[in-house]
PDB file of all heavy atoms in Angstrom:
ATOM      1  N   MET A   1     -20.250 -69.911 -78.330  1.00  0.00           N
ATOM      2  CA  MET A   1     -19.830 -69.786 -79.752  1.00  0.00           C
ATOM      3  C   MET A   1     -21.017 -70.033 -80.679  1.00  0.00           C
ATOM      4  O   MET A   1     -21.223 -69.299 -81.678  1.00  0.00           O
ATOM      5  CB  MET A   1     -18.710 -70.728 -80.021  1.00  0.00           C
ATOM      6  CG  MET A   1     -18.156 -70.591 -81.425  1.00  0.00           C
ATOM      7  SD  MET A   1     -17.022 -71.903 -81.737  1.00  0.00           S
ATOM      8  CE  MET A   1     -15.510 -71.090 -81.906  1.00  0.00           C
ATOM      9  N   ARG A   2     -21.806 -71.064 -80.389  1.00  0.00           N
ATOM     10  CA  ARG A   2     -22.965 -71.409 -81.230  1.00  0.00           C
ATOM     11  C   ARG A   2     -23.962 -70.198 -81.215  1.00  0.00           C
ATOM     12  O   ARG A   2     -24.488 -69.844 -82.259  1.00  0.00           O
ATOM     13  CB  ARG A   2     -23.640 -72.657 -80.758  1.00  0.00           C
ATOM     14  CG  ARG A   2     -24.742 -73.109 -81.706  1.00  0.00           C
ATOM     15  CD  ARG A   2     -25.481 -74.297 -81.263  1.00  0.00           C
ATOM     16  NE  ARG A   2     -24.583 -75.396 -80.883  1.00  0.00           N
ATOM     17  CZ  ARG A   2     -24.961 -76.432 -80.161  1.00  0.00           C
ATOM     18  NH1 ARG A   2     -26.206 -76.533 -79.713  1.00  0.00           N
ATOM     19  NH2 ARG A   2     -24.138 -77.387 -79.838  1.00  0.00           N
ATOM     20  N   SER A   3     -24.204 -69.636 -80.088  1.00  0.00           N
ATOM     21  CA  SER A   3     -25.095 -68.456 -79.984  1.00  0.00           C
ATOM     22  C   SER A   3     -24.547 -67.343 -80.789  1.00  0.00           C
ATOM     23  O   SER A   3     -25.374 -66.603 -81.456  1.00  0.00           O
ATOM     24  CB  SER A   3     -25.271 -68.054 -78.523  1.00  0.00           C
ATOM     25  OG  SER A   3     -25.860 -69.055 -77.762  1.00  0.00           O
ATOM     26  N   GLY A   4     -23.271 -67.078 -80.793  1.00  0.00           N
ATOM     27  CA  GLY A   4     -22.671 -65.980 -81.585  1.00  0.00           C
ATOM     28  C   GLY A   4     -22.822 -66.231 -83.082  1.00  0.00           C
ATOM     29  O   GLY A   4     -23.162 -65.344 -83.852  1.00  0.00           O
ATOM     30  N   VAL A   5     -22.632 -67.483 -83.511  1.00  0.00           N
ATOM     31  CA  VAL A   5     -22.813 -67.837 -84.953  1.00  0.00           C
ATOM     32  C   VAL A   5     -24.249 -67.667 -85.354  1.00  0.00           C
ATOM     33  O   VAL A   5     -24.552 -67.118 -86.420  1.00  0.00           O
ATOM     34  CB  VAL A   5     -22.290 -69.283 -85.224  1.00  0.00           C
ATOM     35  CG1 VAL A   5     -22.697 -69.728 -86.617  1.00  0.00           C
ATOM     36  CG2 VAL A   5     -20.795 -69.355 -84.976  1.00  0.00           C
ATOM     37  N   VAL A   6     -25.206 -68.137 -84.545  1.00  0.00           N
ATOM     38  CA  VAL A   6     -26.606 -67.998 -84.846  1.00  0.00           C
ATOM     39  C   VAL A   6     -26.973 -66.549 -84.923  1.00  0.00           C
ATOM     40  O   VAL A   6     -27.704 -66.087 -85.824  1.00  0.00           O
ATOM     41  CB  VAL A   6     -27.438 -68.752 -83.781  1.00  0.00           C
ATOM     42  CG1 VAL A   6     -28.947 -68.364 -83.945  1.00  0.00           C
ATOM     43  CG2 VAL A   6     -27.260 -70.238 -83.913  1.00  0.00           C
ATOM     44  N   ALA A   7     -26.465 -65.713 -84.027  1.00  0.00           N
ATOM     45  CA  ALA A   7     -26.772 -64.248 -84.076  1.00  0.00           C
ATOM     46  C   ALA A   7     -26.206 -63.620 -85.323  1.00  0.00           C
ATOM     47  O   ALA A   7     -26.846 -62.752 -85.934  1.00  0.00           O
ATOM     48  CB  ALA A   7     -26.195 -63.624 -82.815  1.00  0.00           C
ATOM     49  N   ALA A   8     -25.011 -64.024 -85.743  1.00  0.00           N
ATOM     50  CA  ALA A   8     -24.395 -63.448 -86.966  1.00  0.00           C
ATOM     51  C   ALA A   8     -25.197 -63.837 -88.239  1.00  0.00           C
ATOM     52  O   ALA A   8     -25.434 -63.015 -89.113  1.00  0.00           O
ATOM     53  CB  ALA A   8     -22.950 -63.958 -87.086  1.00  0.00           C
ATOM     54  N   VAL A   9     -25.622 -65.127 -88.292  1.00  0.00           N
ATOM     55  CA  VAL A   9     -26.407 -65.562 -89.429  1.00  0.00           C
ATOM     56  C   VAL A   9     -27.728 -64.830 -89.462  1.00  0.00           C
ATOM     57  O   VAL A   9     -28.205 -64.386 -90.502  1.00  0.00           O
ATOM     58  CB  VAL A   9     -26.609 -67.080 -89.406  1.00  0.00           C
ATOM     59  CG1 VAL A   9     -27.650 -67.523 -90.420  1.00  0.00           C
ATOM     60  CG2 VAL A   9     -25.246 -67.774 -89.623  1.00  0.00           C
ATOM     61  N   ALA A  10     -28.336 -64.618 -88.307  1.00  0.00           N
ATOM     62  CA  ALA A  10     -29.630 -63.926 -88.249  1.00  0.00           C
ATOM     63  C   ALA A  10     -29.447 -62.461 -88.663  1.00  0.00           C
ATOM     64  O   ALA A  10     -30.318 -61.931 -89.371  1.00  0.00           O
ATOM     65  CB  ALA A  10     -30.197 -63.989 -86.869  1.00  0.00           C
ATOM     66  N   ALA A  11     -28.347 -61.828 -88.277  1.00  0.00           N
ATOM     67  CA  ALA A  11     -28.122 -60.456 -88.680  1.00  0.00           C
ATOM     68  C   ALA A  11     -27.882 -60.334 -90.210  1.00  0.00           C
ATOM     69  O   ALA A  11     -28.444 -59.437 -90.845  1.00  0.00           O
ATOM     70  CB  ALA A  11     -26.889 -59.895 -87.957  1.00  0.00           C
ATOM     71  N   LEU A  12     -27.205 -61.287 -90.798  1.00  0.00           N
ATOM     72  CA  LEU A  12     -27.014 -61.234 -92.214  1.00  0.00           C
ATOM     73  C   LEU A  12     -28.265 -61.528 -92.946  1.00  0.00           C
ATOM     74  O   LEU A  12     -28.442 -61.022 -94.101  1.00  0.00           O
ATOM     75  CB  LEU A  12     -25.927 -62.293 -92.602  1.00  0.00           C
ATOM     76  CG  LEU A  12     -24.455 -61.892 -92.247  1.00  0.00           C
ATOM     77  CD1 LEU A  12     -23.522 -63.045 -92.636  1.00  0.00           C
ATOM     78  CD2 LEU A  12     -24.053 -60.636 -92.976  1.00  0.00           C
ATOM     79  N   ALA A  13     -29.143 -62.303 -92.389  1.00  0.00           N
ATOM     80  CA  ALA A  13     -30.409 -62.631 -93.078  1.00  0.00           C
ATOM     81  C   ALA A  13     -31.308 -61.364 -93.148  1.00  0.00           C
ATOM     82  O   ALA A  13     -32.209 -61.342 -94.004  1.00  0.00           O
ATOM     83  CB  ALA A  13     -31.117 -63.702 -92.321  1.00  0.00           C
ATOM     84  N   MET A  14     -31.049 -60.388 -92.351  1.00  0.00           N
ATOM     85  CA  MET A  14     -31.862 -59.179 -92.356  1.00  0.00           C
ATOM     86  C   MET A  14     -31.435 -58.175 -93.380  1.00  0.00           C
ATOM     87  O   MET A  14     -32.124 -57.247 -93.683  1.00  0.00           O
ATOM     88  CB  MET A  14     -31.824 -58.540 -90.948  1.00  0.00           C
ATOM     89  CG  MET A  14     -32.440 -59.454 -89.871  1.00  0.00           C
ATOM     90  SD  MET A  14     -32.214 -58.766 -88.263  1.00  0.00           S
ATOM     91  CE  MET A  14     -33.535 -57.615 -88.215  1.00  0.00           C
ATOM     92  N   VAL A  15     -30.248 -58.390 -94.016  1.00  0.00           N
ATOM     93  CA  VAL A  15     -29.795 -57.490 -95.092  1.00  0.00           C
ATOM     94  C   VAL A  15     -30.650 -57.649 -96.345  1.00  0.00           C
ATOM     95  O   VAL A  15     -30.849 -58.738 -96.796  1.00  0.00           O
ATOM     96  CB  VAL A  15     -28.295 -57.780 -95.400  1.00  0.00           C
ATOM     97  CG1 VAL A  15     -27.859 -56.907 -96.586  1.00  0.00           C
ATOM     98  CG2 VAL A  15     -27.412 -57.535 -94.219  1.00  0.00           C
ATOM     99  N   PRO A  16     -31.201 -56.532 -96.851  1.00  0.00           N
ATOM    100  CA  PRO A  16     -32.067 -56.688 -97.989  1.00  0.00           C
ATOM    101  C   PRO A  16     -31.318 -57.123 -99.257  1.00  0.00           C
ATOM    102  O   PRO A  16     -30.317 -56.558 -99.591  1.00  0.00           O
ATOM    103  CB  PRO A  16     -32.709 -55.295 -98.200  1.00  0.00           C
ATOM    104  CG  PRO A  16     -31.889 -54.359 -97.361  1.00  0.00           C
ATOM    105  CD  PRO A  16     -31.115 -55.208 -96.388  1.00  0.00           C
ATOM    106  N   THR A  17     -31.821 -58.142 -99.909  1.00  0.00           N
ATOM    107  CA  THR A  17     -31.116 -58.656-101.127  1.00  0.00           C
ATOM    108  C   THR A  17     -31.618 -57.923-102.354  1.00  0.00           C
ATOM    109  O   THR A  17     -30.990 -57.948-103.392  1.00  0.00           O
ATOM    110  CB  THR A  17     -31.404 -60.132-101.318  1.00  0.00           C
ATOM    111  OG1 THR A  17     -32.784 -60.373-101.353  1.00  0.00           O
ATOM    112  CG2 THR A  17     -30.762 -60.910-100.179  1.00  0.00           C
ATOM    113  N   LEU A  18     -32.777 -57.200-102.297  1.00  0.00           N
ATOM    114  CA  LEU A  18     -33.252 -56.461-103.409  1.00  0.00           C
ATOM    115  C   LEU A  18     -32.342 -55.358-103.870  1.00  0.00           C
ATOM    116  O   LEU A  18     -32.183 -55.010-105.044  1.00  0.00           O
ATOM    117  CB  LEU A  18     -34.595 -55.894-103.180  1.00  0.00           C
ATOM    118  CG  LEU A  18     -35.760 -56.881-103.077  1.00  0.00           C
ATOM    119  CD1 LEU A  18     -37.066 -56.175-102.704  1.00  0.00           C
ATOM    120  CD2 LEU A  18     -35.958 -57.654-104.339  1.00  0.00           C
ATOM    121  N   ALA A  19     -31.585 -54.789-102.934  1.00  0.00           N
ATOM    122  CA  ALA A  19     -30.611 -53.720-103.236  1.00  0.00           C
ATOM    123  C   ALA A  19     -29.533 -54.283-104.201  1.00  0.00           C
ATOM    124  O   ALA A  19     -29.073 -53.584-105.082  1.00  0.00           O
ATOM    125  CB  ALA A  19     -30.025 -53.153-102.025  1.00  0.00           C
ATOM    126  N   PHE A  20     -29.150 -55.484-104.008  1.00  0.00           N
ATOM    127  CA  PHE A  20     -28.092 -56.083-104.832  1.00  0.00           C
ATOM    128  C   PHE A  20     -28.633 -56.405-106.231  1.00  0.00           C
ATOM    129  O   PHE A  20     -28.024 -56.155-107.212  1.00  0.00           O
ATOM    130  CB  PHE A  20     -27.475 -57.316-104.215  1.00  0.00           C
ATOM    131  CG  PHE A  20     -26.821 -57.054-102.939  1.00  0.00           C
ATOM    132  CD1 PHE A  20     -27.312 -57.544-101.734  1.00  0.00           C
ATOM    133  CD2 PHE A  20     -25.621 -56.319-102.878  1.00  0.00           C
ATOM    134  CE1 PHE A  20     -26.669 -57.262-100.536  1.00  0.00           C
ATOM    135  CE2 PHE A  20     -25.026 -56.027-101.682  1.00  0.00           C
ATOM    136  CZ  PHE A  20     -25.531 -56.516-100.464  1.00  0.00           C
ATOM    137  N   ALA A  21     -29.826 -56.900-106.273  1.00  0.00           N
ATOM    138  CA  ALA A  21     -30.426 -57.309-107.579  1.00  0.00           C
ATOM    139  C   ALA A  21     -30.741 -56.107-108.461  1.00  0.00           C
ATOM    140  O   ALA A  21     -30.532 -56.131-109.657  1.00  0.00           O
ATOM    141  CB  ALA A  21     -31.674 -58.122-107.367  1.00  0.00           C
ATOM    142  N   SER A  22     -31.177 -54.990-107.874  1.00  0.00           N
ATOM    143  CA  SER A  22     -31.487 -53.823-108.695  1.00  0.00           C
ATOM    144  C   SER A  22     -30.300 -52.989-109.045  1.00  0.00           C
ATOM    145  O   SER A  22     -30.414 -52.093-109.871  1.00  0.00           O
ATOM    146  CB  SER A  22     -32.523 -52.986-107.921  1.00  0.00           C
ATOM    147  OG  SER A  22     -31.938 -52.452-106.755  1.00  0.00           O
ATOM    148  N   SER A  23     -29.142 -53.238-108.445  1.00  0.00           N
ATOM    149  CA  SER A  23     -28.012 -52.397-108.777  1.00  0.00           C
ATOM    150  C   SER A  23     -27.185 -52.950-109.953  1.00  0.00           C
ATOM    151  O   SER A  23     -26.189 -52.361-110.295  1.00  0.00           O
ATOM    152  CB  SER A  23     -27.090 -52.309-107.539  1.00  0.00           C
ATOM    153  OG  SER A  23     -26.548 -53.559-107.248  1.00  0.00           O
ATOM    154  N   CYS A  24     -27.596 -54.048-110.570  1.00  0.00           N
ATOM    155  CA  CYS A  24     -26.848 -54.630-111.653  1.00  0.00           C
ATOM    156  C   CYS A  24     -26.931 -53.674-112.888  1.00  0.00           C
ATOM    157  O   CYS A  24     -28.018 -53.432-113.368  1.00  0.00           O
ATOM    158  CB  CYS A  24     -27.390 -55.974-112.011  1.00  0.00           C
ATOM    159  SG  CYS A  24     -26.511 -56.762-113.396  1.00  0.00           S
ATOM    160  N   PRO A  25     -25.806 -53.193-113.394  1.00  0.00           N
ATOM    161  CA  PRO A  25     -25.829 -52.220-114.519  1.00  0.00           C
ATOM    162  C   PRO A  25     -25.935 -52.882-115.873  1.00  0.00           C
ATOM    163  O   PRO A  25     -25.971 -52.162-116.914  1.00  0.00           O
ATOM    164  CB  PRO A  25     -24.534 -51.475-114.327  1.00  0.00           C
ATOM    165  CG  PRO A  25     -23.581 -52.481-113.807  1.00  0.00           C
ATOM    166  CD  PRO A  25     -24.459 -53.320-112.876  1.00  0.00           C
ATOM    167  N   HIS A  26     -25.965 -54.196-115.923  1.00  0.00           N
ATOM    168  CA  HIS A  26     -25.925 -54.854-117.279  1.00  0.00           C
ATOM    169  C   HIS A  26     -27.307 -54.878-117.880  1.00  0.00           C
ATOM    170  O   HIS A  26     -28.323 -55.286-117.249  1.00  0.00           O
ATOM    171  CB  HIS A  26     -25.462 -56.275-117.129  1.00  0.00           C
ATOM    172  CG  HIS A  26     -24.073 -56.345-116.548  1.00  0.00           C
ATOM    173  ND1 HIS A  26     -22.950 -55.940-117.221  1.00  0.00           N
ATOM    174  CD2 HIS A  26     -23.631 -56.739-115.352  1.00  0.00           C
ATOM    175  CE1 HIS A  26     -21.908 -56.093-116.482  1.00  0.00           C
ATOM    176  NE2 HIS A  26     -22.256 -56.555-115.302  1.00  0.00           N
ATOM    177  N   PRO A  27     -27.482 -54.440-119.096  1.00  0.00           N
ATOM    178  CA  PRO A  27     -28.781 -54.520-119.786  1.00  0.00           C
ATOM    179  C   PRO A  27     -29.089 -55.952-120.166  1.00  0.00           C
ATOM    180  O   PRO A  27     -28.204 -56.761-120.190  1.00  0.00           O
ATOM    181  CB  PRO A  27     -28.577 -53.665-121.020  1.00  0.00           C
ATOM    182  CG  PRO A  27     -27.123 -53.651-121.281  1.00  0.00           C
ATOM    183  CD  PRO A  27     -26.449 -53.834-119.963  1.00  0.00           C
ATOM    184  N   ALA A  28     -30.360 -56.212-120.431  1.00  0.00           N
ATOM    185  CA  ALA A  28     -30.703 -57.571-120.882  1.00  0.00           C
ATOM    186  C   ALA A  28     -30.024 -57.901-122.198  1.00  0.00           C
ATOM    187  O   ALA A  28     -29.775 -57.029-123.014  1.00  0.00           O
ATOM    188  CB  ALA A  28     -32.224 -57.616-121.029  1.00  0.00           C
ATOM    189  N   PRO A  29     -29.651 -59.195-122.378  1.00  0.00           N
ATOM    190  CA  PRO A  29     -28.976 -59.524-123.628  1.00  0.00           C
ATOM    191  C   PRO A  29     -29.751 -59.154-124.881  1.00  0.00           C
ATOM    192  O   PRO A  29     -30.960 -59.300-124.881  1.00  0.00           O
ATOM    193  CB  PRO A  29     -28.803 -61.009-123.508  1.00  0.00           C
ATOM    194  CG  PRO A  29     -28.995 -61.377-122.073  1.00  0.00           C
ATOM    195  CD  PRO A  29     -29.846 -60.294-121.527  1.00  0.00           C
ATOM    196  N   GLY A  30     -29.061 -58.616-125.827  1.00  0.00           N
ATOM    197  CA  GLY A  30     -29.695 -58.261-127.061  1.00  0.00           C
ATOM    198  C   GLY A  30     -30.472 -56.934-127.090  1.00  0.00           C
ATOM    199  O   GLY A  30     -31.015 -56.562-128.048  1.00  0.00           O
ATOM    200  N   ARG A  31     -30.464 -56.239-125.941  1.00  0.00           N
ATOM    201  CA  ARG A  31     -31.197 -54.959-125.905  1.00  0.00           C
ATOM    202  C   ARG A  31     -30.282 -53.866-126.341  1.00  0.00           C
ATOM    203  O   ARG A  31     -29.108 -53.797-125.986  1.00  0.00           O
ATOM    204  CB  ARG A  31     -31.678 -54.705-124.502  1.00  0.00           C
ATOM    205  CG  ARG A  31     -32.824 -55.666-124.154  1.00  0.00           C
ATOM    206  CD  ARG A  31     -33.579 -55.226-122.932  1.00  0.00           C
ATOM    207  NE  ARG A  31     -34.212 -53.929-123.099  1.00  0.00           N
ATOM    208  CZ  ARG A  31     -34.829 -53.328-122.147  1.00  0.00           C
ATOM    209  NH1 ARG A  31     -34.942 -53.937-120.982  1.00  0.00           N
ATOM    210  NH2 ARG A  31     -35.373 -52.197-122.273  1.00  0.00           N
ATOM    211  N   HIS A  32     -30.819 -52.942-127.088  1.00  0.00           N
ATOM    212  CA  HIS A  32     -30.045 -51.804-127.534  1.00  0.00           C
ATOM    213  C   HIS A  32     -30.340 -50.655-126.603  1.00  0.00           C
ATOM    214  O   HIS A  32     -31.529 -50.385-126.312  1.00  0.00           O
ATOM    215  CB  HIS A  32     -30.468 -51.441-128.987  1.00  0.00           C
ATOM    216  CG  HIS A  32     -29.902 -50.150-129.434  1.00  0.00           C
ATOM    217  ND1 HIS A  32     -28.593 -50.019-129.762  1.00  0.00           N
ATOM    218  CD2 HIS A  32     -30.485 -48.960-129.601  1.00  0.00           C
ATOM    219  CE1 HIS A  32     -28.342 -48.762-130.142  1.00  0.00           C
ATOM    220  NE2 HIS A  32     -29.521 -48.073-130.063  1.00  0.00           N
ATOM    221  N   VAL A  33     -29.366 -49.936-126.171  1.00  0.00           N
ATOM    222  CA  VAL A  33     -29.544 -48.802-125.281  1.00  0.00           C
ATOM    223  C   VAL A  33     -29.633 -47.553-126.159  1.00  0.00           C
ATOM    224  O   VAL A  33     -28.734 -47.199-126.849  1.00  0.00           O
ATOM    225  CB  VAL A  33     -28.365 -48.695-124.285  1.00  0.00           C
ATOM    226  CG1 VAL A  33     -28.521 -47.491-123.409  1.00  0.00           C
ATOM    227  CG2 VAL A  33     -28.242 -49.923-123.455  1.00  0.00           C
ATOM    228  N   ALA A  34     -30.769 -46.916-126.136  1.00  0.00           N
ATOM    229  CA  ALA A  34     -31.036 -45.724-126.924  1.00  0.00           C
ATOM    230  C   ALA A  34     -30.150 -44.588-126.395  1.00  0.00           C
ATOM    231  O   ALA A  34     -29.945 -44.439-125.176  1.00  0.00           O
ATOM    232  CB  ALA A  34     -32.496 -45.294-126.859  1.00  0.00           C
ATOM    233  N   HIS A  35     -29.657 -43.780-127.277  1.00  0.00           N
ATOM    234  CA  HIS A  35     -28.711 -42.744-126.857  1.00  0.00           C
ATOM    235  C   HIS A  35     -29.328 -41.677-125.949  1.00  0.00           C
ATOM    236  O   HIS A  35     -28.609 -41.096-125.152  1.00  0.00           O
ATOM    237  CB  HIS A  35     -28.064 -42.065-128.068  1.00  0.00           C
ATOM    238  CG  HIS A  35     -28.992 -41.248-128.946  1.00  0.00           C
ATOM    239  ND1 HIS A  35     -29.842 -41.799-129.789  1.00  0.00           N
ATOM    240  CD2 HIS A  35     -29.196 -39.927-128.994  1.00  0.00           C
ATOM    241  CE1 HIS A  35     -30.537 -40.862-130.388  1.00  0.00           C
ATOM    242  NE2 HIS A  35     -30.169 -39.717-129.895  1.00  0.00           N
ATOM    243  N   GLN A  36     -30.572 -41.469-126.026  1.00  0.00           N
ATOM    244  CA  GLN A  36     -31.178 -40.460-125.101  1.00  0.00           C
ATOM    245  C   GLN A  36     -31.659 -41.141-123.835  1.00  0.00           C
ATOM    246  O   GLN A  36     -32.119 -40.463-122.939  1.00  0.00           O
ATOM    247  CB  GLN A  36     -32.384 -39.756-125.789  1.00  0.00           C
ATOM    248  CG  GLN A  36     -33.593 -40.634-126.023  1.00  0.00           C
ATOM    249  CD  GLN A  36     -33.551 -41.427-127.334  1.00  0.00           C
ATOM    250  OE1 GLN A  36     -32.465 -41.480-127.972  1.00  0.00           O
ATOM    251  NE2 GLN A  36     -34.646 -41.937-127.737  1.00  0.00           N
ATOM    252  N   GLY A  37     -31.546 -42.444-123.646  1.00  0.00           N
ATOM    253  CA  GLY A  37     -32.100 -43.088-122.485  1.00  0.00           C
ATOM    254  C   GLY A  37     -31.098 -43.560-121.471  1.00  0.00           C
ATOM    255  O   GLY A  37     -31.402 -44.432-120.645  1.00  0.00           O
TER     256      GLY A  37
END
């Protein structure tokens, strides 16, 4: 059981976290979104 848990945690650690950070659709506070952009 412990080996299985360690393997699962290791597999999750390999998932790239940058994909989640760059997919956030919220603009920075106070920024105006130009209509052509």
